[in-house]
């Protein structure tokens, strides 16, 4: 009886089932998005678009717009990461 239980517990299907259960039951802790994070990222995105429209309206260069949008995206990611801690 014990041999059957040992053999049954070591089957490939049982191992796969355990792996699938562990993926479904364990909660990853490296990234959790809460509503405040989404709100901050959305506000930063809206401000970024407003700035780019204002700068584009006055005929500024594409390089300046690219720099501003890159800085805005990096700032939004940093703020979201700091709030998560």
C-alpha atoms as a PDB file:
ATOM      1  CA  UNK A   1       0.000   0.000   0.000  1.00  0.00           C
ATOM      2  CA  UNK A   2       2.788   2.437   0.859  1.00  0.00           C
ATOM      3  CA  UNK A   3       4.625   1.724  -2.384  1.00  0.00           C
ATOM      4  CA  UNK A   4       1.542   2.578  -4.392  1.00  0.00           C
ATOM      5  CA  UNK A   5       1.189   5.906  -2.598  1.00  0.00           C
ATOM      6  CA  UNK A   6       4.858   6.775  -3.150  1.00  0.00           C
ATOM      7  CA  UNK A   7       4.682   5.869  -6.839  1.00  0.00           C
ATOM      8  CA  UNK A   8       1.408   7.737  -7.264  1.00  0.00           C
ATOM      9  CA  UNK A   9       2.788  10.890  -5.639  1.00  0.00           C
ATOM     10  CA  UNK A  10       5.783  10.938  -7.959  1.00  0.00           C
ATOM     11  CA  UNK A  11       3.899  10.767 -11.234  1.00  0.00           C
ATOM     12  CA  UNK A  12       4.427  13.447 -13.810  1.00  0.00           C
ATOM     13  CA  UNK A  13       0.769  14.435 -13.908  1.00  0.00           C
ATOM     14  CA  UNK A  14       0.705  14.947 -10.173  1.00  0.00           C
ATOM     15  CA  UNK A  15       3.838  17.079 -10.360  1.00  0.00           C
ATOM     16  CA  UNK A  16       2.302  19.199 -13.098  1.00  0.00           C
ATOM     17  CA  UNK A  17      -0.858  19.628 -11.057  1.00  0.00           C
ATOM     18  CA  UNK A  18       1.165  20.792  -8.061  1.00  0.00           C
ATOM     19  CA  UNK A  19       3.063  23.302 -10.197  1.00  0.00           C
ATOM     20  CA  UNK A  20      -0.156  24.654 -11.688  1.00  0.00           C
ATOM     21  CA  UNK A  21      -1.714  24.940  -8.222  1.00  0.00           C
ATOM     22  CA  UNK A  22       1.337  26.800  -6.949  1.00  0.00           C
ATOM     23  CA  UNK A  23       1.090  29.285  -9.839  1.00  0.00           C
ATOM     24  CA  UNK A  24      -2.585  29.849  -9.168  1.00  0.00           C
ATOM     25  CA  UNK A  25      -2.414  30.092  -5.384  1.00  0.00           C
ATOM     26  CA  UNK A  26       0.784  32.063  -4.804  1.00  0.00           C
ATOM     27  CA  UNK A  27       0.416  35.784  -5.093  1.00  0.00           C
ATOM     28  CA  UNK A  28       3.380  37.572  -6.698  1.00  0.00           C
ATOM     29  CA  UNK A  29       4.626  40.334  -4.432  1.00  0.00           C
ATOM     30  CA  UNK A  30       6.868  42.145  -6.889  1.00  0.00           C
ATOM     31  CA  UNK A  31       4.130  44.267  -8.464  1.00  0.00           C
ATOM     32  CA  UNK A  32       0.800  45.218  -7.047  1.00  0.00           C
ATOM     33  CA  UNK A  33      -1.261  47.903  -8.694  1.00  0.00           C
ATOM     34  CA  UNK A  34      -3.669  49.674  -6.437  1.00  0.00           C
ATOM     35  CA  UNK A  35      -6.143  52.302  -7.592  1.00  0.00           C
ATOM     36  CA  UNK A  36      -3.925  55.128  -6.311  1.00  0.00           C
ATOM     37  CA  UNK A  37      -1.084  53.929  -8.551  1.00  0.00           C
ATOM     38  CA  UNK A  38      -3.328  53.918 -11.591  1.00  0.00           C
ATOM     39  CA  UNK A  39      -4.618  57.376 -10.679  1.00  0.00           C
ATOM     40  CA  UNK A  40      -1.115  58.831 -10.365  1.00  0.00           C
ATOM     41  CA  UNK A  41       0.074  57.258 -13.610  1.00  0.00           C
ATOM     42  CA  UNK A  42      -3.039  58.533 -15.401  1.00  0.00           C
ATOM     43  CA  UNK A  43      -2.594  62.074 -14.093  1.00  0.00           C
ATOM     44  CA  UNK A  44       1.082  62.051 -15.107  1.00  0.00           C
ATOM     45  CA  UNK A  45       0.098  60.827 -18.567  1.00  0.00           C
ATOM     46  CA  UNK A  46      -2.528  63.552 -18.951  1.00  0.00           C
ATOM     47  CA  UNK A  47      -0.060  66.236 -17.837  1.00  0.00           C
ATOM     48  CA  UNK A  48       2.494  64.851 -20.283  1.00  0.00           C
ATOM     49  CA  UNK A  49       0.038  65.063 -23.182  1.00  0.00           C
ATOM     50  CA  UNK A  50      -0.973  68.600 -22.201  1.00  0.00           C
ATOM     51  CA  UNK A  51       2.665  69.718 -22.117  1.00  0.00           C
ATOM     52  CA  UNK A  52       3.396  68.136 -25.472  1.00  0.00           C
ATOM     53  CA  UNK A  53       0.377  69.826 -27.050  1.00  0.00           C
ATOM     54  CA  UNK A  54       1.365  73.218 -25.647  1.00  0.00           C
ATOM     55  CA  UNK A  55       4.970  72.829 -26.784  1.00  0.00           C
ATOM     56  CA  UNK A  56       3.886  71.516 -30.199  1.00  0.00           C
ATOM     57  CA  UNK A  57       1.519  74.436 -30.647  1.00  0.00           C
ATOM     58  CA  UNK A  58       4.371  76.931 -30.488  1.00  0.00           C
ATOM     59  CA  UNK A  59       6.502  75.053 -33.017  1.00  0.00           C
ATOM     60  CA  UNK A  60       9.160  73.593 -30.780  1.00  0.00           C
ATOM     61  CA  UNK A  61      11.536  70.902 -31.960  1.00  0.00           C
ATOM     62  CA  UNK A  62      10.820  67.198 -31.919  1.00  0.00           C
ATOM     63  CA  UNK A  63      13.885  66.549 -29.755  1.00  0.00           C
ATOM     64  CA  UNK A  64      12.529  68.745 -26.956  1.00  0.00           C
ATOM     65  CA  UNK A  65       9.170  66.964 -27.096  1.00  0.00           C
ATOM     66  CA  UNK A  66      10.889  63.575 -26.939  1.00  0.00           C
ATOM     67  CA  UNK A  67      12.985  64.629 -23.950  1.00  0.00           C
ATOM     68  CA  UNK A  68       9.963  65.973 -22.080  1.00  0.00           C
ATOM     69  CA  UNK A  69       7.881  62.865 -22.732  1.00  0.00           C
ATOM     70  CA  UNK A  70      10.749  60.590 -21.649  1.00  0.00           C
ATOM     71  CA  UNK A  71      11.238  62.556 -18.440  1.00  0.00           C
ATOM     72  CA  UNK A  72       7.495  62.448 -17.754  1.00  0.00           C
ATOM     73  CA  UNK A  73       7.310  58.675 -18.233  1.00  0.00           C
ATOM     74  CA  UNK A  74      10.341  58.049 -16.020  1.00  0.00           C
ATOM     75  CA  UNK A  75       8.970  60.386 -13.352  1.00  0.00           C
ATOM     76  CA  UNK A  76       5.596  58.621 -13.392  1.00  0.00           C
ATOM     77  CA  UNK A  77       7.272  55.233 -13.004  1.00  0.00           C
ATOM     78  CA  UNK A  78       9.448  56.463 -10.132  1.00  0.00           C
ATOM     79  CA  UNK A  79       6.477  58.007  -8.328  1.00  0.00           C
ATOM     80  CA  UNK A  80       4.462  54.815  -8.776  1.00  0.00           C
ATOM     81  CA  UNK A  81       7.335  52.713  -7.460  1.00  0.00           C
ATOM     82  CA  UNK A  82       7.891  54.958  -4.433  1.00  0.00           C
ATOM     83  CA  UNK A  83       4.214  54.928  -3.528  1.00  0.00           C
ATOM     84  CA  UNK A  84       4.192  51.143  -3.704  1.00  0.00           C
ATOM     85  CA  UNK A  85       6.800  50.918  -0.934  1.00  0.00           C
END
